[in-house]
Amino acid sequence: MMARQPTSDGMEILDRMIGDDAELRELYEQAKVNLDIAQLIYDARTEAGLSQKELGAMLNTTESVISELEDADYEGN
């Protein structure tokens, strides 16, 4: 078995620490999905040159809602 290469990637470090723990693995995978979605929203908005307030107005919502959606820790209401 080859030794793992050192890394400073936080997600890879967490992945290694979790190992085969099914409950932690599920939480980790959900956190990755949340992070990916938040990043996609942020990237699309900034690529379009929109502020959170402008995007909120286009979607008939508020700046704070857009901010929450771009927050990977947001769990919805």
N, C-alpha and C. Protein backbone atom coordinates (compact mmCIF):
# COMPACT_ATOMS: atom_id res chain seq x y z
N MET A 1 0.84 -1.18 0.00
CA MET A 1 0.00 0.00 0.00
C MET A 1 0.89 1.24 0.00
N MET A 2 0.58 2.18 -0.90
CA MET A 2 1.37 3.41 -1.00
C MET A 2 0.95 4.39 0.10
N ALA A 3 1.92 5.10 0.62
CA ALA A 3 1.64 6.12 1.63
C ALA A 3 0.93 7.30 0.96
N ARG A 4 0.03 7.91 1.69
CA ARG A 4 -0.67 9.09 1.17
C ARG A 4 0.28 10.27 1.14
N GLN A 5 0.10 11.08 0.13
CA GLN A 5 0.89 12.30 0.02
C GLN A 5 0.36 13.34 1.01
N PRO A 6 1.25 14.12 1.61
CA PRO A 6 0.80 15.20 2.49
C PRO A 6 -0.07 16.18 1.70
N THR A 7 -1.02 16.79 2.39
CA THR A 7 -1.91 17.75 1.75
C THR A 7 -2.24 18.88 2.72
N SER A 8 -2.58 20.03 2.15
CA SER A 8 -3.09 21.13 2.97
C SER A 8 -4.55 21.40 2.61
N ASP A 9 -5.14 20.55 1.75
CA ASP A 9 -6.54 20.67 1.34
C ASP A 9 -7.43 20.25 2.51
N GLY A 10 -8.16 21.20 3.06
CA GLY A 10 -8.99 20.93 4.23
C GLY A 10 -10.01 19.84 4.00
N MET A 11 -10.65 19.82 2.84
CA MET A 11 -11.65 18.80 2.55
C MET A 11 -11.01 17.41 2.48
N GLU A 12 -9.84 17.32 1.91
CA GLU A 12 -9.15 16.03 1.84
C GLU A 12 -8.72 15.56 3.23
N ILE A 13 -8.28 16.49 4.04
CA ILE A 13 -7.90 16.14 5.41
C ILE A 13 -9.11 15.61 6.17
N LEU A 14 -10.26 16.29 6.06
CA LEU A 14 -11.48 15.81 6.70
C LEU A 14 -11.87 14.44 6.18
N ASP A 15 -11.78 14.25 4.87
CA ASP A 15 -12.11 12.97 4.27
C ASP A 15 -11.26 11.85 4.87
N ARG A 16 -9.99 12.12 5.03
CA ARG A 16 -9.09 11.12 5.62
C ARG A 16 -9.45 10.84 7.08
N MET A 17 -9.80 11.89 7.81
CA MET A 17 -10.12 11.72 9.23
C MET A 17 -11.41 10.94 9.43
N ILE A 18 -12.38 11.13 8.56
CA ILE A 18 -13.68 10.47 8.68
C ILE A 18 -13.55 8.97 8.46
N GLY A 19 -12.75 8.60 7.49
CA GLY A 19 -12.56 7.18 7.23
C GLY A 19 -13.85 6.49 6.86
N ASP A 20 -14.17 5.40 7.56
CA ASP A 20 -15.33 4.58 7.23
C ASP A 20 -16.55 4.84 8.12
N ASP A 21 -16.53 5.90 8.92
CA ASP A 21 -17.65 6.22 9.80
C ASP A 21 -18.83 6.69 8.94
N ALA A 22 -19.87 5.87 8.82
CA ALA A 22 -20.99 6.14 7.92
C ALA A 22 -21.73 7.43 8.27
N GLU A 23 -21.95 7.68 9.55
CA GLU A 23 -22.68 8.89 9.95
C GLU A 23 -21.88 10.14 9.63
N LEU A 24 -20.60 10.14 9.95
CA LEU A 24 -19.76 11.29 9.63
C LEU A 24 -19.60 11.45 8.12
N ARG A 25 -19.54 10.34 7.40
CA ARG A 25 -19.42 10.39 5.94
C ARG A 25 -20.64 11.08 5.34
N GLU A 26 -21.83 10.77 5.83
CA GLU A 26 -23.06 11.41 5.32
C GLU A 26 -23.05 12.91 5.60
N LEU A 27 -22.65 13.30 6.81
CA LEU A 27 -22.57 14.73 7.15
C LEU A 27 -21.54 15.44 6.26
N TYR A 28 -20.43 14.79 6.03
CA TYR A 28 -19.37 15.35 5.18
C TYR A 28 -19.87 15.54 3.75
N GLU A 29 -20.55 14.53 3.21
CA GLU A 29 -21.05 14.62 1.84
C GLU A 29 -22.09 15.73 1.70
N GLN A 30 -22.97 15.87 2.71
CA GLN A 30 -23.97 16.95 2.66
C GLN A 30 -23.30 18.32 2.73
N ALA A 31 -22.26 18.44 3.54
CA ALA A 31 -21.53 19.71 3.63
C ALA A 31 -20.87 20.04 2.30
N LYS A 32 -20.35 19.04 1.61
CA LYS A 32 -19.74 19.27 0.29
C LYS A 32 -20.79 19.76 -0.70
N VAL A 33 -21.97 19.17 -0.69
CA VAL A 33 -23.05 19.60 -1.59
C VAL A 33 -23.44 21.04 -1.29
N ASN A 34 -23.61 21.36 0.00
CA ASN A 34 -23.97 22.73 0.38
C ASN A 34 -22.92 23.73 -0.08
N LEU A 35 -21.66 23.36 0.08
CA LEU A 35 -20.57 24.24 -0.35
C LEU A 35 -20.59 24.43 -1.86
N ASP A 36 -20.81 23.36 -2.59
CA ASP A 36 -20.84 23.44 -4.06
C ASP A 36 -21.98 24.33 -4.54
N ILE A 37 -23.16 24.18 -3.95
CA ILE A 37 -24.32 24.99 -4.35
C ILE A 37 -24.07 26.45 -4.03
N ALA A 38 -23.58 26.74 -2.83
CA ALA A 38 -23.30 28.13 -2.45
C ALA A 38 -22.29 28.75 -3.40
N GLN A 39 -21.27 27.98 -3.77
CA GLN A 39 -20.23 28.49 -4.68
C GLN A 39 -20.80 28.74 -6.07
N LEU A 40 -21.67 27.85 -6.55
CA LEU A 40 -22.29 28.04 -7.86
C LEU A 40 -23.12 29.31 -7.92
N ILE A 41 -23.90 29.55 -6.87
CA ILE A 41 -24.72 30.77 -6.83
C ILE A 41 -23.83 32.00 -6.83
N TYR A 42 -22.80 31.99 -5.99
CA TYR A 42 -21.88 33.13 -5.91
C TYR A 42 -21.20 33.35 -7.25
N ASP A 43 -20.68 32.29 -7.85
CA ASP A 43 -19.96 32.41 -9.13
C ASP A 43 -20.87 32.96 -10.23
N ALA A 44 -22.08 32.45 -10.32
CA ALA A 44 -23.01 32.91 -11.36
C ALA A 44 -23.36 34.39 -11.15
N ARG A 45 -23.59 34.77 -9.89
CA ARG A 45 -23.95 36.16 -9.60
C ARG A 45 -22.81 37.10 -9.92
N THR A 46 -21.59 36.76 -9.48
CA THR A 46 -20.47 37.66 -9.72
C THR A 46 -20.07 37.69 -11.20
N GLU A 47 -20.20 36.55 -11.88
CA GLU A 47 -19.90 36.54 -13.32
C GLU A 47 -20.87 37.44 -14.08
N ALA A 48 -22.10 37.51 -13.59
CA ALA A 48 -23.10 38.38 -14.22
C ALA A 48 -22.92 39.84 -13.80
N GLY A 49 -22.00 40.08 -12.87
CA GLY A 49 -21.74 41.44 -12.43
C GLY A 49 -22.83 42.01 -11.53
N LEU A 50 -23.52 41.13 -10.82
CA LEU A 50 -24.63 41.55 -9.98
C LEU A 50 -24.23 41.56 -8.51
N SER A 51 -24.77 42.52 -7.79
CA SER A 51 -24.63 42.51 -6.34
C SER A 51 -25.70 41.58 -5.78
N GLN A 52 -25.57 41.24 -4.51
CA GLN A 52 -26.61 40.42 -3.88
C GLN A 52 -27.95 41.15 -3.91
N LYS A 53 -27.91 42.44 -3.72
CA LYS A 53 -29.15 43.23 -3.73
C LYS A 53 -29.79 43.20 -5.12
N GLU A 54 -28.98 43.35 -6.17
CA GLU A 54 -29.51 43.34 -7.53
C GLU A 54 -30.11 41.98 -7.88
N LEU A 55 -29.42 40.90 -7.52
CA LEU A 55 -29.95 39.57 -7.80
C LEU A 55 -31.23 39.33 -7.01
N GLY A 56 -31.24 39.75 -5.78
CA GLY A 56 -32.45 39.63 -4.97
C GLY A 56 -33.63 40.33 -5.61
N ALA A 57 -33.41 41.54 -6.11
CA ALA A 57 -34.49 42.28 -6.77
C ALA A 57 -34.99 41.56 -8.01
N MET A 58 -34.06 40.97 -8.78
CA MET A 58 -34.44 40.22 -9.98
C MET A 58 -35.29 38.99 -9.64
N LEU A 59 -35.04 38.42 -8.46
CA LEU A 59 -35.74 37.21 -8.05
C LEU A 59 -36.88 37.49 -7.08
N ASN A 60 -37.19 38.78 -6.92
CA ASN A 60 -38.26 39.22 -6.02
C ASN A 60 -38.03 38.72 -4.59
N THR A 61 -36.80 38.87 -4.15
CA THR A 61 -36.44 38.52 -2.78
C THR A 61 -35.47 39.56 -2.25
N THR A 62 -34.86 39.30 -1.13
CA THR A 62 -34.00 40.31 -0.51
C THR A 62 -32.52 39.93 -0.62
N GLU A 63 -31.70 40.93 -0.38
CA GLU A 63 -30.26 40.73 -0.35
C GLU A 63 -29.87 39.69 0.70
N SER A 64 -30.55 39.73 1.84
CA SER A 64 -30.22 38.79 2.91
C SER A 64 -30.51 37.34 2.52
N VAL A 65 -31.54 37.12 1.72
CA VAL A 65 -31.83 35.76 1.25
C VAL A 65 -30.71 35.27 0.33
N ILE A 66 -30.25 36.14 -0.56
CA ILE A 66 -29.15 35.76 -1.45
C ILE A 66 -27.90 35.48 -0.62
N SER A 67 -27.65 36.29 0.37
CA SER A 67 -26.50 36.09 1.25
C SER A 67 -26.59 34.72 1.94
N GLU A 68 -27.77 34.37 2.43
CA GLU A 68 -27.95 33.07 3.07
C GLU A 68 -27.71 31.92 2.10
N LEU A 69 -28.19 32.07 0.87
CA LEU A 69 -27.99 31.02 -0.14
C LEU A 69 -26.52 30.84 -0.50
N GLU A 70 -25.77 31.92 -0.42
CA GLU A 70 -24.34 31.85 -0.73
C GLU A 70 -23.51 31.39 0.47
N ASP A 71 -24.16 31.18 1.60
CA ASP A 71 -23.50 30.72 2.81
C ASP A 71 -23.61 29.20 2.86
N ALA A 72 -22.50 28.50 2.79
CA ALA A 72 -22.50 27.04 2.76
C ALA A 72 -23.11 26.44 4.03
N ASP A 73 -23.17 27.20 5.13
CA ASP A 73 -23.73 26.69 6.38
C ASP A 73 -25.23 26.89 6.49
N TYR A 74 -25.84 27.59 5.52
CA TYR A 74 -27.27 27.86 5.56
C TYR A 74 -28.05 26.56 5.45
N GLU A 75 -29.00 26.36 6.35
CA GLU A 75 -29.78 25.11 6.36
C GLU A 75 -31.22 25.31 5.92
N GLY A 76 -31.59 26.51 5.53
CA GLY A 76 -32.96 26.76 5.07
C GLY A 76 -33.93 26.91 6.23
N ASN A 77 -35.08 27.47 5.90
CA ASN A 77 -36.12 27.66 6.91
C ASN A 77 -37.38 27.00 6.47
